[in-house]
């Protein structure tokens, strides 16, 4: 007994070093095994029938709800950490975002907490951009057990692309849309607008966020086609309806009612839709070869 205890004490540093070194490799091996594990396939009708008749299936459903809650909680934690990091740079970002109107000197606050609200809003937007790949990864991690190995790998590879598309949409909104929309808004009917920080930054951050989300559409269509939920022929045949829906969505997103700025939103979204059709055909062709 004494010798066994003595051996454990003297071998503990070696065991600790071995465990620390081997942990990343063991985690990687488990991750690759997870990527290549075939899911259990069951018809959707049978699943709904079991939810009504089988207590164990209902318990499994609530287990999935708990798992989803855990993923959402981790996403909020990632977002909180990202907002904390972004807060360090938020003042410089605010000054940069105010440059199209001549800097912060052009803004006049009329409420005591208005500047604080602006700071938090910009920090939130920057935090979302910073934590975006981690949030998407959490959503992928929740959905991945129900996907086939090929679908898991393709959707996992789409996470960096989703981040790039989101940032590209934000950049398009700031560098293309704002320079054309602001002169129209600030001098509409010859009335010079007196800008407030709250209204200006709510306008800018809202446009950047929603255009960034709109840029995710091609990637979403590609993934949905790759896993067999959408066919490219359907997208190609319904392009007229899609243009109408894009026009309605553009009217909701566009801060002005003039056709010029609405067209600035419609043009890239329409191009993104046709790009989505092309990507859908590529994904469909890859799926057919399997």
Protein backbone atom coordinates (compact mmCIF):
# COMPACT_ATOMS: atom_id res chain seq x y z
CA UNK A 1 0.00 0.00 0.00
CA UNK A 2 2.78 2.41 0.92
CA UNK A 3 4.78 1.48 -2.19
CA UNK A 4 1.71 1.95 -4.38
CA UNK A 5 1.09 5.41 -2.93
CA UNK A 6 4.78 6.29 -3.28
CA UNK A 7 4.74 5.18 -6.93
CA UNK A 8 1.66 7.28 -7.68
CA UNK A 9 3.30 10.33 -6.13
CA UNK A 10 6.57 10.07 -8.05
CA UNK A 11 4.85 9.14 -11.34
CA UNK A 12 2.22 11.88 -11.15
CA UNK A 13 4.38 14.58 -12.87
CA UNK A 14 5.10 12.17 -15.74
CA UNK A 15 1.42 11.25 -16.00
CA UNK A 16 0.43 14.92 -15.96
CA UNK A 17 2.91 15.79 -18.73
CA UNK A 18 1.78 12.81 -20.85
CA UNK A 19 -1.89 13.71 -20.39
CA UNK A 20 -1.28 17.36 -21.29
CA UNK A 21 0.66 16.46 -24.43
CA UNK A 22 -1.72 13.73 -25.60
CA UNK A 23 -4.96 15.63 -24.86
CA UNK A 24 -5.02 17.66 -28.12
CA UNK A 25 -4.33 14.52 -30.17
CA UNK A 26 -7.06 12.55 -28.40
CA UNK A 27 -9.52 15.39 -28.92
CA UNK A 28 -8.62 15.59 -32.60
CA UNK A 29 -9.07 11.83 -32.99
CA UNK A 30 -12.48 11.99 -31.35
CA UNK A 31 -13.42 14.94 -33.55
CA UNK A 32 -12.45 13.11 -36.76
CA UNK A 33 -14.35 10.04 -35.58
CA UNK A 34 -17.37 12.27 -35.02
CA UNK A 35 -17.04 13.73 -38.53
CA UNK A 36 -17.09 10.25 -40.08
CA UNK A 37 -19.85 8.69 -37.96
CA UNK A 38 -22.96 7.71 -39.88
CA UNK A 39 -26.17 9.02 -38.26
CA UNK A 40 -29.15 6.83 -37.55
CA UNK A 41 -31.65 7.36 -40.37
CA UNK A 42 -35.36 7.20 -39.60
CA UNK A 43 -38.34 8.37 -41.66
CA UNK A 44 -39.74 11.68 -40.44
CA UNK A 45 -43.25 10.18 -40.15
CA UNK A 46 -41.94 7.51 -37.76
CA UNK A 47 -40.27 10.16 -35.63
CA UNK A 48 -43.50 12.13 -35.22
CA UNK A 49 -45.42 8.93 -34.51
CA UNK A 50 -42.94 7.95 -31.79
CA UNK A 51 -43.20 11.41 -30.23
CA UNK A 52 -46.88 10.74 -29.65
CA UNK A 53 -46.66 7.13 -28.49
CA UNK A 54 -43.18 6.61 -27.05
CA UNK A 55 -42.14 8.16 -23.74
CA UNK A 56 -38.45 7.50 -24.38
CA UNK A 57 -38.56 9.42 -27.67
CA UNK A 58 -40.23 12.36 -25.93
CA UNK A 59 -37.51 12.25 -23.26
CA UNK A 60 -34.88 12.27 -26.02
CA UNK A 61 -36.59 15.32 -27.53
CA UNK A 62 -36.30 17.19 -24.23
CA UNK A 63 -32.67 16.10 -24.03
CA UNK A 64 -32.14 17.76 -27.42
CA UNK A 65 -33.81 20.90 -26.10
CA UNK A 66 -31.36 20.91 -23.20
CA UNK A 67 -28.45 20.44 -25.63
CA UNK A 68 -29.71 23.35 -27.73
CA UNK A 69 -29.98 25.46 -24.61
CA UNK A 70 -26.37 24.65 -23.76
CA UNK A 71 -25.22 25.65 -27.26
CA UNK A 72 -27.16 28.92 -27.06
CA UNK A 73 -25.69 29.62 -23.63
CA UNK A 74 -22.17 29.06 -24.93
CA UNK A 75 -22.96 31.32 -27.89
CA UNK A 76 -23.97 34.06 -25.47
CA UNK A 77 -20.75 33.52 -23.52
CA UNK A 78 -18.69 33.81 -26.73
CA UNK A 79 -20.62 36.95 -27.62
CA UNK A 80 -20.06 38.47 -24.16
CA UNK A 81 -16.31 37.77 -24.40
CA UNK A 82 -16.19 39.23 -27.92
CA UNK A 83 -18.05 42.35 -26.79
CA UNK A 84 -15.57 42.74 -23.93
CA UNK A 85 -12.66 42.54 -26.38
CA UNK A 86 -14.37 44.86 -28.88
CA UNK A 87 -15.09 47.42 -26.15
CA UNK A 88 -11.38 48.18 -25.97
CA UNK A 89 -11.45 49.37 -29.60
CA UNK A 90 -15.00 50.71 -29.71
CA UNK A 91 -14.15 54.39 -29.34
CA UNK A 92 -11.80 54.28 -32.33
CA UNK A 93 -14.42 52.36 -34.32
CA UNK A 94 -17.07 54.94 -33.44
CA UNK A 95 -14.83 57.72 -34.69
CA UNK A 96 -14.25 55.77 -37.91
CA UNK A 97 -17.97 55.14 -38.41
CA UNK A 98 -18.68 58.84 -37.92
CA UNK A 99 -16.20 59.89 -40.62
CA UNK A 100 -18.82 60.00 -43.45
CA UNK A 101 -20.57 62.89 -41.67
CA UNK A 102 -17.43 64.77 -40.66
CA UNK A 103 -16.57 63.05 -37.38
CA UNK A 104 -18.11 63.01 -33.92
CA UNK A 105 -18.14 66.82 -33.85
CA UNK A 106 -21.12 66.74 -36.23
CA UNK A 107 -23.26 64.88 -33.69
CA UNK A 108 -25.23 66.50 -30.87
CA UNK A 109 -26.53 64.42 -27.99
CA UNK A 110 -29.69 65.59 -26.19
CA UNK A 111 -29.94 62.82 -23.59
CA UNK A 112 -27.61 62.04 -20.71
CA UNK A 113 -27.21 58.34 -21.54
CA UNK A 114 -27.25 58.71 -25.31
CA UNK A 115 -23.49 58.37 -25.76
CA UNK A 116 -23.42 55.29 -23.53
CA UNK A 117 -26.15 53.68 -25.63
CA UNK A 118 -24.18 54.40 -28.80
CA UNK A 119 -21.05 52.87 -27.29
CA UNK A 120 -22.91 49.69 -26.33
CA UNK A 121 -24.62 49.41 -29.73
CA UNK A 122 -21.36 49.66 -31.66
CA UNK A 123 -19.63 47.29 -29.22
CA UNK A 124 -22.47 44.81 -29.76
CA UNK A 125 -22.12 44.96 -33.55
CA UNK A 126 -18.36 44.52 -33.34
CA UNK A 127 -18.82 41.69 -30.84
CA UNK A 128 -21.21 39.91 -33.21
CA UNK A 129 -18.70 40.24 -36.05
CA UNK A 130 -15.88 38.96 -33.82
CA UNK A 131 -17.85 36.04 -32.35
CA UNK A 132 -19.67 35.18 -35.59
CA UNK A 133 -17.58 32.09 -36.48
CA UNK A 134 -17.91 30.72 -32.94
CA UNK A 135 -21.68 31.29 -32.89
CA UNK A 136 -22.07 29.57 -36.27
CA UNK A 137 -19.86 26.73 -35.01
CA UNK A 138 -22.16 26.23 -32.02
CA UNK A 139 -25.15 25.99 -34.36
CA UNK A 140 -23.23 23.53 -36.55
CA UNK A 141 -22.25 21.46 -33.52
CA UNK A 142 -25.91 21.13 -32.53
CA UNK A 143 -27.06 20.12 -36.03
CA UNK A 144 -24.04 17.96 -36.97
CA UNK A 145 -25.14 14.67 -35.28
CA UNK A 146 -28.09 14.48 -37.69
CA UNK A 147 -25.96 15.01 -40.80
CA UNK A 148 -24.09 12.52 -42.93
CA UNK A 149 -20.25 12.64 -42.87
CA UNK A 150 -20.04 14.48 -46.20
CA UNK A 151 -22.66 16.99 -45.09
CA UNK A 152 -20.87 17.55 -41.78
CA UNK A 153 -17.57 18.28 -43.49
CA UNK A 154 -19.09 20.59 -46.09
CA UNK A 155 -21.09 22.56 -43.53
CA UNK A 156 -18.05 22.78 -41.24
CA UNK A 157 -16.00 24.17 -44.11
CA UNK A 158 -18.72 26.76 -44.66
CA UNK A 159 -18.11 28.42 -41.28
CA UNK A 160 -15.07 30.50 -42.44
CA UNK A 161 -16.95 31.35 -45.65
CA UNK A 162 -19.97 32.48 -43.60
CA UNK A 163 -17.73 34.86 -41.65
CA UNK A 164 -16.23 36.27 -44.85
CA UNK A 165 -19.67 36.79 -46.41
CA UNK A 166 -20.95 38.53 -43.27
CA UNK A 167 -17.97 40.88 -43.10
CA UNK A 168 -18.23 41.54 -46.84
CA UNK A 169 -21.87 42.53 -46.42
CA UNK A 170 -20.99 44.91 -43.59
CA UNK A 171 -18.22 46.44 -45.70
CA UNK A 172 -20.58 46.86 -48.66
CA UNK A 173 -23.13 48.62 -46.46
CA UNK A 174 -20.56 51.02 -45.04
CA UNK A 175 -18.41 51.79 -48.09
CA UNK A 176 -21.06 51.66 -50.85
CA UNK A 177 -24.53 52.23 -49.42
CA UNK A 178 -23.84 54.89 -46.80
CA UNK A 179 -21.92 57.31 -49.07
CA UNK A 180 -24.89 57.37 -51.46
CA UNK A 181 -27.72 57.28 -48.92
CA UNK A 182 -26.45 59.88 -46.44
CA UNK A 183 -26.33 62.91 -48.81
CA UNK A 184 -29.92 62.22 -49.84
CA UNK A 185 -31.10 61.81 -46.26
CA UNK A 186 -29.26 64.76 -44.77
CA UNK A 187 -30.50 67.26 -47.39
CA UNK A 188 -33.92 65.91 -48.31
CA UNK A 189 -36.21 68.75 -49.48
CA UNK A 190 -33.38 71.17 -48.73
CA UNK A 191 -33.74 70.63 -44.97
CA UNK A 192 -30.42 70.24 -43.19
CA UNK A 193 -30.65 67.44 -40.62
CA UNK A 194 -29.29 67.93 -37.10
CA UNK A 195 -27.75 64.56 -36.32
CA UNK A 196 -28.00 62.81 -32.97
CA UNK A 197 -25.59 60.01 -32.00
CA UNK A 198 -28.44 57.62 -31.20
CA UNK A 199 -30.27 58.02 -34.50
CA UNK A 200 -27.13 58.05 -36.65
CA UNK A 201 -25.47 54.98 -35.15
CA UNK A 202 -28.76 53.07 -34.96
CA UNK A 203 -29.13 53.72 -38.68
CA UNK A 204 -25.54 52.71 -39.53
CA UNK A 205 -25.32 49.60 -37.34
CA UNK A 206 -28.76 48.40 -38.47
CA UNK A 207 -27.88 48.70 -42.15
CA UNK A 208 -24.51 46.99 -41.67
CA UNK A 209 -25.97 44.09 -39.69
CA UNK A 210 -28.89 43.30 -42.01
CA UNK A 211 -26.85 43.63 -45.20
CA UNK A 212 -24.22 41.37 -43.62
CA UNK A 213 -26.91 38.79 -42.91
CA UNK A 214 -28.28 39.10 -46.45
CA UNK A 215 -24.84 38.21 -47.82
CA UNK A 216 -25.14 34.82 -46.11
CA UNK A 217 -27.83 33.74 -48.58
CA UNK A 218 -25.59 32.09 -51.25
CA UNK A 219 -23.74 30.04 -48.68
CA UNK A 220 -27.00 28.98 -47.03
CA UNK A 221 -28.42 27.85 -50.37
CA UNK A 222 -25.23 25.93 -51.14
CA UNK A 223 -25.38 24.04 -47.84
CA UNK A 224 -29.11 23.32 -48.13
CA UNK A 225 -28.58 21.96 -51.64
CA UNK A 226 -25.61 19.89 -50.51
CA UNK A 227 -27.71 18.16 -47.85
CA UNK A 228 -30.61 17.64 -50.27
CA UNK A 229 -33.22 20.10 -48.98
CA UNK A 230 -33.24 22.37 -52.06
CA UNK A 231 -32.87 21.71 -55.79
CA UNK A 232 -31.27 24.27 -58.13
CA UNK A 233 -33.97 23.83 -60.78
CA UNK A 234 -36.57 25.11 -58.32
CA UNK A 235 -34.49 28.22 -57.61
CA UNK A 236 -33.96 28.85 -61.33
CA UNK A 237 -37.66 28.47 -62.14
CA UNK A 238 -38.78 30.80 -59.34
CA UNK A 239 -36.40 33.68 -60.07
CA UNK A 240 -39.23 36.11 -60.86
CA UNK A 241 -40.87 35.48 -57.50
CA UNK A 242 -37.47 35.82 -55.87
CA UNK A 243 -36.94 39.26 -57.44
CA UNK A 244 -40.31 40.41 -56.09
CA UNK A 245 -39.43 39.16 -52.61
CA UNK A 246 -36.01 40.81 -52.84
CA UNK A 247 -37.70 44.09 -53.79
CA UNK A 248 -39.98 43.86 -50.75
CA UNK A 249 -37.05 43.00 -48.48
CA UNK A 250 -34.97 45.83 -49.97
CA UNK A 251 -37.77 48.29 -49.31
CA UNK A 252 -37.84 47.14 -45.67
CA UNK A 253 -34.07 47.40 -45.23
CA UNK A 254 -33.49 50.60 -47.22
CA UNK A 255 -33.53 53.66 -44.96
CA UNK A 256 -34.94 55.89 -47.70
CA UNK A 257 -37.94 55.64 -50.01
CA UNK A 258 -36.17 56.72 -53.19
CA UNK A 259 -35.58 54.12 -55.93
CA UNK A 260 -31.86 54.86 -56.17
CA UNK A 261 -30.99 53.64 -52.69
CA UNK A 262 -33.48 50.80 -52.96
CA UNK A 263 -31.73 49.72 -56.16
CA UNK A 264 -28.40 49.79 -54.31
CA UNK A 265 -29.80 47.12 -52.00
CA UNK A 266 -31.65 45.18 -54.70
CA UNK A 267 -28.71 44.95 -57.09
CA UNK A 268 -26.31 43.01 -54.83
CA UNK A 269 -29.12 40.89 -53.37
CA UNK A 270 -30.29 39.95 -56.87
CA UNK A 271 -26.73 39.10 -57.87
CA UNK A 272 -26.42 37.05 -54.70
CA UNK A 273 -29.59 35.15 -55.64
CA UNK A 274 -28.28 34.24 -59.09
CA UNK A 275 -24.93 33.39 -57.52
CA UNK A 276 -26.88 31.12 -55.18
CA UNK A 277 -28.39 29.32 -58.18
CA UNK A 278 -24.92 28.69 -59.60
CA UNK A 279 -23.62 27.43 -56.26
CA UNK A 280 -26.71 25.27 -55.91
CA UNK A 281 -25.99 23.57 -59.25
CA UNK A 282 -22.40 22.95 -58.12
CA UNK A 283 -23.57 21.44 -54.82
CA UNK A 284 -26.24 19.36 -56.60
CA UNK A 285 -23.70 18.01 -59.08
CA UNK A 286 -21.38 17.05 -56.25
CA UNK A 287 -24.22 15.31 -54.46
CA UNK A 288 -25.20 13.36 -57.58
CA UNK A 289 -21.65 11.98 -57.98
CA UNK A 290 -21.82 10.28 -54.59
